Amino acid sequence: MFPDVPVEYSAEFGPHGGATTAAQDRAIGTALPVSTIPLVIDERVNRMVRLAILSAPGVILVGPPGTGKTTLLRQIVEQIRSDYESFGFTKPVEEPTWTAPQENWTTNDLVGGTTVDTQGHLRFRPGLVLRSIAEDRWLVLDEANRADMDRIFGGLLTWLSGQEVVVGQAAQILDSPSVRLQWADGPASETENLDQLSDPTAGGPDVAYAAGTEWRILGTYNAIDAQRVFRFGQALGRRFLRVPIPTPSTDQFRQAIEVSAAGLPPSLTARIVALYDAHHRSADTDLGPAVFLRIADYVRAGIDTGAETLLEDGSATFSSSETPPEFGGSGIDDVADGDAQPVEASDAPSAPTSAESELLAEGYLINVGTWLHQMEDSVDALGDRVVGENGALSVAEWQWVTESSRVLG
């Protein structure tokens, strides 16, 4: 049914998954940042995303931070736009409206509501959903957990179940036209009587926004977030198909970073893998690969600029002569399946220099430290894996990270 499309995405970690700039690339040397390396995503996940978008008006990609949800969604939307018929759509798909919800959003922002015009008249101002329908563009809510969607969706809950709803009045006068949100019979979105919104004294027919059968509202959702997280309630959750985007296995992460982390000492690469594995082995602490790939970028920037030499003054908290514990992490594909397999003792990361260890701890702190507050109940067990089982950080460095992370709260 679908055309042959690549099943790789770039785990870039920026606004909407955007790529780093050339200037940023040059700042740390000639090689691309490790955080732009391609990671293989399961074809079954790809298929679920594509079929969900084809079969339902509302789709949310759900997964830990750093799993490339936004990048994956952008990639699939672009594939649909470039060959819409092969994906089961009957009309061209315009460039979607991408937006990042904010904590202070209200129903007025998403749906629409009363505002005061330049003449001092109260009238209805369409929100993002209505404007997207009027332009027949899909709407994408990136990191939807940043806003209280249960509160601001309002009448959209009823509308997403297939019913018509009244979302406001064109003006605050007697017999003012209603603003109706509907579904069209065909694939294209339609509007009627929008001119009523520009005349706050008009009393004509109702204003109508009708989403086409091929119009979509899509989004991404982080179950864990460095900032406040609003949960999707059951009522809202029933209106969206939720596609899980899992993190890659430890073995997949190791293969990817070893290919692209050329120039990093093998001991540091191994310890970044050990950090990833320590998080990956519990659903309560699981984070996507992009978070840990940025650690590699930080460490490489320090090495490339000679920053590690500034630390060679005996002040390091982890001596290179300290023997690292055995790396007992797992290369599991799915923690929930209970298929964890011990990593061989030969995979234990060797000891980097004391300065390199400090760079590693710093990179871990500035990329993961804020998340540690969201994992408060699981931090002790995480520390056991990071220090005792995987030997990714020393006891002293782990204590420094956890103490320093409190400032980030």
Protein backbone atom coordinates (compact mmCIF):
# COMPACT_ATOMS: atom_id res chain seq x y z
CA MET A 1 0.00 0.00 0.00
CA PHE A 2 2.75 2.42 0.92
CA PRO A 3 5.69 3.39 -1.30
CA ASP A 4 9.20 2.34 -0.40
CA VAL A 5 10.37 4.94 2.08
CA PRO A 6 13.37 4.97 4.39
CA VAL A 7 12.81 3.83 7.96
CA GLU A 8 15.57 5.94 9.44
CA TYR A 9 15.23 9.27 11.13
CA SER A 10 17.80 11.68 12.41
CA ALA A 11 17.67 12.00 16.18
CA GLU A 12 18.28 15.71 16.06
CA PHE A 13 17.43 17.56 19.24
CA GLY A 14 16.36 21.13 18.59
CA PRO A 15 13.23 23.20 17.95
CA HIS A 16 10.87 20.82 16.15
CA GLY A 17 13.81 18.46 15.71
CA GLY A 18 15.60 21.01 13.50
CA ALA A 19 19.10 20.35 12.25
CA THR A 20 22.11 22.11 13.61
CA THR A 21 23.48 24.99 11.57
CA ALA A 22 26.72 24.97 9.63
CA ALA A 23 28.13 27.49 12.07
CA GLN A 24 27.36 25.15 14.95
CA ASP A 25 29.03 22.31 13.08
CA ARG A 26 32.18 24.36 12.53
CA ALA A 27 32.28 25.40 16.18
CA ILE A 28 33.28 21.90 17.27
CA GLY A 29 35.32 20.77 14.30
CA THR A 30 34.77 19.44 10.84
CA ALA A 31 32.67 16.43 11.81
CA LEU A 32 28.93 16.70 12.18
CA PRO A 33 27.62 16.64 15.75
CA VAL A 34 27.01 13.12 17.02
CA SER A 35 23.40 14.17 17.71
CA THR A 36 22.68 14.14 13.96
CA ILE A 37 23.49 10.48 13.43
CA PRO A 38 20.72 8.39 11.88
CA LEU A 39 19.02 5.87 14.15
CA VAL A 40 16.97 3.02 12.81
CA ILE A 41 13.36 3.05 13.89
CA ASP A 42 11.30 -0.11 13.77
CA GLU A 43 9.34 -0.51 10.54
CA ARG A 44 6.31 -1.57 12.57
CA VAL A 45 6.34 1.80 14.36
CA ASN A 46 6.63 3.53 11.00
CA ARG A 47 3.64 1.60 9.73
CA MET A 48 1.58 2.43 12.81
CA VAL A 49 2.24 6.14 12.39
CA ARG A 50 1.35 6.12 8.70
CA LEU A 51 -1.80 4.03 9.10
CA ALA A 52 -2.92 6.06 12.13
CA ILE A 53 -2.65 9.29 10.12
CA LEU A 54 -4.55 7.72 7.24
CA SER A 55 -7.33 6.26 9.37
CA ALA A 56 -8.09 8.90 12.03
CA PRO A 57 -8.40 12.70 12.22
CA GLY A 58 -6.39 12.92 15.46
CA VAL A 59 -3.02 11.22 16.06
CA ILE A 60 -0.47 11.73 18.86
CA LEU A 61 3.05 10.26 18.95
CA VAL A 62 3.92 9.37 22.55
CA GLY A 63 7.33 8.51 23.94
CA PRO A 64 10.21 9.58 26.16
CA PRO A 65 12.05 12.82 25.35
CA GLY A 66 14.74 12.54 22.72
CA THR A 67 13.23 9.66 20.73
CA GLY A 68 12.87 11.78 17.59
CA LYS A 69 9.06 11.98 17.62
CA THR A 70 8.97 15.41 16.01
CA THR A 71 11.58 14.52 13.41
CA LEU A 72 9.81 11.26 12.59
CA LEU A 73 6.46 13.05 12.28
CA ARG A 74 7.98 15.70 10.01
CA GLN A 75 9.56 13.02 7.86
CA ILE A 76 6.35 11.04 7.42
CA VAL A 77 4.26 14.16 6.75
CA GLU A 78 6.75 15.19 4.06
CA GLN A 79 6.58 11.72 2.53
CA ILE A 80 2.80 11.96 2.43
CA ARG A 81 2.96 15.41 0.88
CA SER A 82 5.38 14.27 -1.83
CA ASP A 83 3.32 11.22 -2.83
CA TYR A 84 -0.09 11.56 -1.20
CA GLU A 85 -1.88 9.08 -3.47
CA SER A 86 0.50 6.26 -2.53
CA PHE A 87 -0.38 6.87 1.12
CA GLY A 88 -4.14 6.64 0.48
CA PHE A 89 -5.06 10.34 0.31
CA THR A 90 -7.04 11.74 -2.61
CA LYS A 91 -5.85 15.36 -2.62
CA PRO A 92 -2.55 17.19 -2.15
CA VAL A 93 -1.52 17.90 1.44
CA GLU A 94 -0.43 21.48 2.10
CA GLU A 95 2.40 22.39 4.47
CA PRO A 96 0.92 21.88 7.97
CA THR A 97 0.69 24.56 10.61
CA TRP A 98 3.26 23.64 13.29
CA THR A 99 2.89 25.12 16.75
CA ALA A 100 4.18 24.48 20.26
CA PRO A 101 1.43 24.78 22.91
CA GLN A 102 2.20 26.89 25.96
CA GLU A 103 1.19 26.49 29.59
CA ASN A 104 -0.87 29.69 29.51
CA TRP A 105 -2.93 28.65 26.51
CA THR A 106 -6.72 28.88 26.76
CA THR A 107 -9.57 27.71 24.55
CA ASN A 108 -9.31 31.06 22.76
CA ASP A 109 -5.83 30.15 21.51
CA LEU A 110 -6.70 26.70 20.22
CA VAL A 111 -10.33 27.03 19.14
CA GLY A 112 -11.24 30.71 19.23
CA GLY A 113 -13.15 33.19 21.36
CA THR A 114 -14.25 36.73 21.95
CA THR A 115 -11.81 39.58 21.45
CA VAL A 116 -11.98 43.38 21.19
CA ASP A 117 -11.31 44.82 17.72
CA THR A 118 -9.70 48.16 16.92
CA GLN A 119 -13.11 49.88 17.09
CA GLY A 120 -13.78 48.55 20.56
CA HIS A 121 -16.35 45.99 19.39
CA LEU A 122 -16.52 42.51 20.85
CA ARG A 123 -16.25 39.90 18.14
CA PHE A 124 -15.12 36.33 17.58
CA ARG A 125 -11.49 35.64 16.73
CA PRO A 126 -10.74 32.18 15.26
CA GLY A 127 -8.09 30.10 17.01
CA LEU A 128 -5.51 27.78 15.53
CA VAL A 129 -7.90 24.94 14.72
CA LEU A 130 -10.36 27.15 12.86
CA ARG A 131 -7.64 29.02 11.00
CA SER A 132 -6.03 25.74 9.95
CA ILE A 133 -9.36 24.45 8.67
CA ALA A 134 -9.98 27.70 6.77
CA GLU A 135 -6.59 27.26 5.07
CA ASP A 136 -7.14 23.49 4.70
CA ARG A 137 -3.83 22.83 6.41
CA TRP A 138 -3.17 20.10 8.95
CA LEU A 139 -2.43 21.29 12.47
CA VAL A 140 0.51 19.84 14.42
CA LEU A 141 0.78 20.40 18.19
CA ASP A 142 4.41 19.71 19.06
CA GLU A 143 4.98 18.77 22.72
CA ALA A 144 1.27 18.97 23.45
CA ASN A 145 1.92 18.07 27.10
CA ARG A 146 3.12 21.64 27.71
CA ALA A 147 -0.51 22.89 27.76
CA ASP A 148 -3.56 21.69 29.67
CA MET A 149 -5.30 20.18 26.66
CA ASP A 150 -8.12 18.68 28.74
CA ARG A 151 -9.10 22.21 29.77
CA ILE A 152 -8.58 24.11 26.54
CA PHE A 153 -10.04 21.62 24.05
CA GLY A 154 -13.56 22.52 25.15
CA GLY A 155 -16.08 21.72 22.44
CA LEU A 156 -13.42 20.06 20.33
CA LEU A 157 -13.95 16.87 22.33
CA THR A 158 -17.50 16.60 21.00
CA TRP A 159 -16.44 17.66 17.51
CA LEU A 160 -13.63 15.07 17.35
CA SER A 161 -16.23 12.38 18.02
CA GLY A 162 -17.91 13.39 14.75
CA GLN A 163 -20.57 15.85 15.91
CA GLU A 164 -21.18 19.50 15.08
CA VAL A 165 -20.56 22.02 17.84
CA VAL A 166 -21.10 25.75 18.34
CA VAL A 167 -17.83 27.33 19.47
CA GLY A 168 -18.98 30.95 19.81
CA GLN A 169 -20.94 33.90 18.41
CA ALA A 170 -19.74 36.19 15.63
CA ALA A 171 -20.42 39.24 17.84
CA GLN A 172 -21.78 40.02 21.27
CA ILE A 173 -25.13 41.35 20.05
CA LEU A 174 -28.64 39.92 19.99
CA ASP A 175 -29.23 37.35 17.23
CA SER A 176 -25.57 37.39 16.23
CA PRO A 177 -24.62 34.48 13.94
CA SER A 178 -23.25 31.38 15.61
CA VAL A 179 -19.80 30.02 14.77
CA ARG A 180 -20.16 26.33 14.01
CA LEU A 181 -17.49 23.66 13.77
CA GLN A 182 -18.46 20.76 11.51
CA TRP A 183 -17.16 17.95 9.33
CA ALA A 184 -17.37 18.18 5.55
CA ASP A 185 -18.59 15.29 3.41
CA GLY A 186 -15.56 15.41 1.11
CA PRO A 187 -11.78 15.39 1.61
CA ALA A 188 -11.33 19.18 1.38
CA SER A 189 -12.10 21.56 4.23
CA GLU A 190 -14.79 24.20 3.67
CA THR A 191 -15.96 27.46 5.21
CA GLU A 192 -19.12 29.53 4.95
CA ASN A 193 -19.91 33.16 5.70
CA LEU A 194 -16.54 34.14 7.17
CA ASP A 195 -17.32 37.74 6.26
CA GLN A 196 -19.70 37.78 9.23
CA LEU A 197 -16.66 37.75 11.53
CA SER A 198 -15.42 41.08 10.20
CA ASP A 199 -18.77 42.87 10.80
CA PRO A 200 -19.59 42.84 14.52
CA THR A 201 -23.03 44.35 13.83
CA ALA A 202 -24.08 41.79 11.21
CA GLY A 203 -26.98 39.46 11.83
CA GLY A 204 -26.88 37.12 8.86
CA PRO A 205 -26.39 33.34 8.48
CA ASP A 206 -24.18 31.29 10.75
CA VAL A 207 -20.45 31.04 10.22
CA ALA A 208 -19.31 27.49 9.47
CA TYR A 209 -15.93 25.77 9.55
CA ALA A 210 -16.08 22.23 8.15
CA ALA A 211 -12.96 20.07 8.32
CA GLY A 212 -12.51 17.75 5.38
CA THR A 213 -12.35 14.01 5.84
CA GLU A 214 -8.61 14.20 5.06
CA TRP A 215 -7.86 17.07 7.46
CA ARG A 216 -5.69 16.04 10.42
CA ILE A 217 -4.69 17.28 13.86
CA LEU A 218 -1.42 15.64 14.87
CA GLY A 219 0.91 16.00 17.80
CA THR A 220 3.77 14.75 19.92
CA TYR A 221 3.64 14.07 23.64
CA ASN A 222 6.42 13.57 26.21
CA ALA A 223 5.29 11.43 29.12
CA ILE A 224 8.28 12.84 31.03
CA ASP A 225 9.15 16.49 30.60
CA ALA A 226 11.80 18.77 31.99
CA GLN A 227 9.06 21.30 32.67
CA ARG A 228 5.48 20.84 33.84
CA VAL A 229 3.59 17.97 32.23
CA PHE A 230 -0.15 17.97 31.68
CA ARG A 231 -1.63 14.53 31.30
CA PHE A 232 -4.13 13.63 28.62
CA GLY A 233 -7.40 12.69 30.33
CA GLN A 234 -9.41 9.68 29.25
CA ALA A 235 -11.96 11.74 27.33
CA LEU A 236 -9.29 13.49 25.29
CA GLY A 237 -7.25 10.31 24.91
CA ARG A 238 -10.21 8.54 23.31
CA ARG A 239 -10.33 11.18 20.55
CA PHE A 240 -6.74 10.56 19.45
CA LEU A 241 -4.92 7.50 18.25
CA ARG A 242 -1.79 7.33 20.37
CA VAL A 243 1.24 5.73 18.72
CA PRO A 244 4.07 4.68 21.06
CA ILE A 245 7.57 5.69 19.96
CA PRO A 246 9.95 3.56 22.03
CA THR A 247 13.62 4.15 22.63
CA PRO A 248 16.15 2.06 20.66
CA SER A 249 17.78 -0.89 22.35
CA THR A 250 21.16 -0.43 23.97
CA ASP A 251 22.77 -2.44 21.16
CA GLN A 252 21.19 -0.17 18.53
CA PHE A 253 22.40 2.90 20.39
CA ARG A 254 25.90 1.43 20.73
CA GLN A 255 26.13 0.64 17.03
CA ALA A 256 24.95 4.10 16.07
CA ILE A 257 27.24 6.07 18.36
CA GLU A 258 30.30 3.94 17.63
CA VAL A 259 29.89 4.61 13.91
CA SER A 260 29.53 8.35 14.33
CA ALA A 261 31.63 9.13 17.42
CA ALA A 262 34.95 8.89 15.58
CA GLY A 263 37.55 10.86 17.46
CA LEU A 264 36.16 10.19 20.91
CA PRO A 265 38.26 7.91 23.10
CA PRO A 266 36.66 4.44 23.13
CA SER A 267 36.51 4.58 26.92
CA LEU A 268 34.24 7.64 26.77
CA THR A 269 32.05 6.20 24.04
CA ALA A 270 31.60 3.05 26.13
CA ARG A 271 30.61 5.08 29.19
CA ILE A 272 28.03 7.10 27.24
CA VAL A 273 26.54 3.79 26.14
CA ALA A 274 26.63 2.68 29.78
CA LEU A 275 24.73 5.83 30.81
CA TYR A 276 22.13 5.23 28.10
CA ASP A 277 21.74 1.62 29.20
CA ALA A 278 21.32 2.58 32.86
CA HIS A 279 18.38 4.80 31.92
CA HIS A 280 16.98 2.44 29.31
CA ARG A 281 16.65 -0.48 31.71
CA SER A 282 13.72 1.10 33.54
CA ALA A 283 10.60 2.68 32.05
CA ASP A 284 10.70 5.21 34.91
CA THR A 285 14.05 6.63 33.77
CA ASP A 286 14.02 5.90 30.03
CA LEU A 287 15.16 8.78 27.82
CA GLY A 288 15.65 8.91 24.08
CA PRO A 289 19.03 8.68 22.35
CA ALA A 290 19.18 12.36 21.37
CA VAL A 291 19.72 13.32 25.01
CA PHE A 292 22.80 11.10 25.27
CA LEU A 293 24.12 11.95 21.82
CA ARG A 294 24.36 15.55 22.97
CA ILE A 295 26.60 14.35 25.80
CA ALA A 296 28.97 13.06 23.14
CA ASP A 297 28.83 16.44 21.39
CA TYR A 298 29.72 18.20 24.66
CA VAL A 299 32.63 15.88 25.45
CA ARG A 300 34.00 16.12 21.92
CA ALA A 301 33.76 19.92 22.04
CA GLY A 302 35.82 19.86 25.24
CA ILE A 303 38.45 17.59 23.74
CA ASP A 304 38.60 19.47 20.42
CA THR A 305 39.12 22.80 22.15
CA GLY A 306 41.61 21.43 24.68
CA ALA A 307 39.31 22.13 27.61
CA GLU A 308 40.30 18.88 29.28
CA THR A 309 43.83 20.15 29.73
CA LEU A 310 42.51 22.90 31.99
CA LEU A 311 41.35 20.21 34.40
CA GLU A 312 44.66 18.38 34.69
CA ASP A 313 45.53 20.00 38.00
CA GLY A 314 44.77 17.17 40.38
CA SER A 315 41.27 18.48 41.15
CA ALA A 316 39.38 15.75 39.35
CA THR A 317 37.02 13.80 41.51
CA PHE A 318 37.53 10.52 39.65
CA SER A 319 40.99 9.09 39.27
CA SER A 320 41.86 7.36 36.03
CA SER A 321 43.48 4.62 38.09
CA GLU A 322 40.15 3.70 39.61
CA THR A 323 38.99 0.39 38.22
CA PRO A 324 35.46 0.69 36.78
CA PRO A 325 32.85 -1.78 37.95
CA GLU A 326 31.66 -4.49 35.62
CA PHE A 327 29.20 -3.20 33.02
CA GLY A 328 26.17 -5.30 33.84
CA GLY A 329 23.71 -3.37 31.66
CA SER A 330 21.39 -4.89 29.11
CA GLY A 331 20.99 -4.55 25.38
CA ILE A 332 17.26 -5.07 25.50
CA ASP A 333 14.79 -4.07 22.85
CA ASP A 334 11.85 -3.75 25.20
CA VAL A 335 12.26 -3.45 28.96
CA ALA A 336 8.64 -4.39 29.55
CA ASP A 337 9.20 -7.80 27.94
CA GLY A 338 11.66 -8.79 30.63
CA ASP A 339 14.23 -9.91 28.08
CA ALA A 340 17.22 -8.20 29.70
CA GLN A 341 20.47 -9.99 28.97
CA PRO A 342 23.65 -9.23 30.94
CA VAL A 343 26.39 -7.59 28.95
CA GLU A 344 29.62 -9.56 28.93
CA ALA A 345 32.35 -8.42 31.31
CA SER A 346 34.55 -7.64 28.31
CA ASP A 347 32.10 -4.87 27.44
CA ALA A 348 32.91 -3.02 30.65
CA PRO A 349 34.04 0.51 29.82
CA SER A 350 37.70 1.13 30.49
CA ALA A 351 38.71 4.11 32.58
CA PRO A 352 39.09 7.45 30.81
CA THR A 353 41.43 10.08 32.16
CA SER A 354 40.28 12.09 35.15
CA ALA A 355 39.71 15.17 32.98
CA GLU A 356 37.68 13.17 30.46
CA SER A 357 35.59 11.78 33.32
CA GLU A 358 34.81 15.30 34.45
CA LEU A 359 33.76 16.28 30.93
CA LEU A 360 31.49 13.23 30.80
CA ALA A 361 29.87 14.08 34.13
CA GLU A 362 29.40 17.69 33.02
CA GLY A 363 27.82 16.61 29.74
CA TYR A 364 25.51 14.27 31.61
CA LEU A 365 24.52 16.99 34.09
CA ILE A 366 23.64 19.68 31.56
CA ASN A 367 21.71 17.27 29.32
CA VAL A 368 20.01 14.99 31.86
CA GLY A 369 20.14 16.93 35.14
CA THR A 370 16.74 18.60 34.73
CA TRP A 371 15.09 15.26 34.01
CA LEU A 372 16.42 13.79 37.25
CA HIS A 373 13.89 15.87 39.19
CA GLN A 374 11.09 14.18 37.25
CA MET A 375 12.56 10.80 38.25
CA GLU A 376 12.81 11.58 41.96
CA ASP A 377 11.36 8.26 43.10
CA SER A 378 13.70 6.32 40.82
CA VAL A 379 16.97 8.24 41.22
CA ASP A 380 18.45 5.90 43.85
CA ALA A 381 17.91 2.83 41.69
CA LEU A 382 19.21 4.75 38.68
CA GLY A 383 22.35 5.66 40.63
CA ASP A 384 22.91 1.99 41.46
CA ARG A 385 22.85 1.18 37.76
CA VAL A 386 24.95 4.18 36.67
CA VAL A 387 27.65 3.61 39.31
CA GLY A 388 27.52 0.06 40.62
CA GLU A 389 26.28 -2.03 37.71
CA ASN A 390 27.39 -0.14 34.61
CA GLY A 391 30.37 1.80 35.95
CA ALA A 392 29.48 4.84 33.85
CA LEU A 393 30.33 7.37 36.57
CA SER A 394 32.22 7.16 39.84
CA VAL A 395 30.44 7.53 43.17
CA ALA A 396 31.92 11.01 43.56
CA GLU A 397 30.85 12.14 40.09
CA TRP A 398 27.32 10.76 40.57
CA GLN A 399 27.01 12.63 43.86
CA TRP A 400 28.25 15.79 42.17
CA VAL A 401 25.69 15.39 39.37
CA THR A 402 22.74 14.81 41.70
CA GLU A 403 23.71 17.67 44.00
CA SER A 404 24.32 20.08 41.12
CA SER A 405 21.05 19.12 39.42
CA ARG A 406 19.06 20.57 42.33
CA VAL A 407 19.92 24.03 41.05
CA LEU A 408 18.22 23.17 37.75
CA GLY A 409 14.90 22.33 39.40
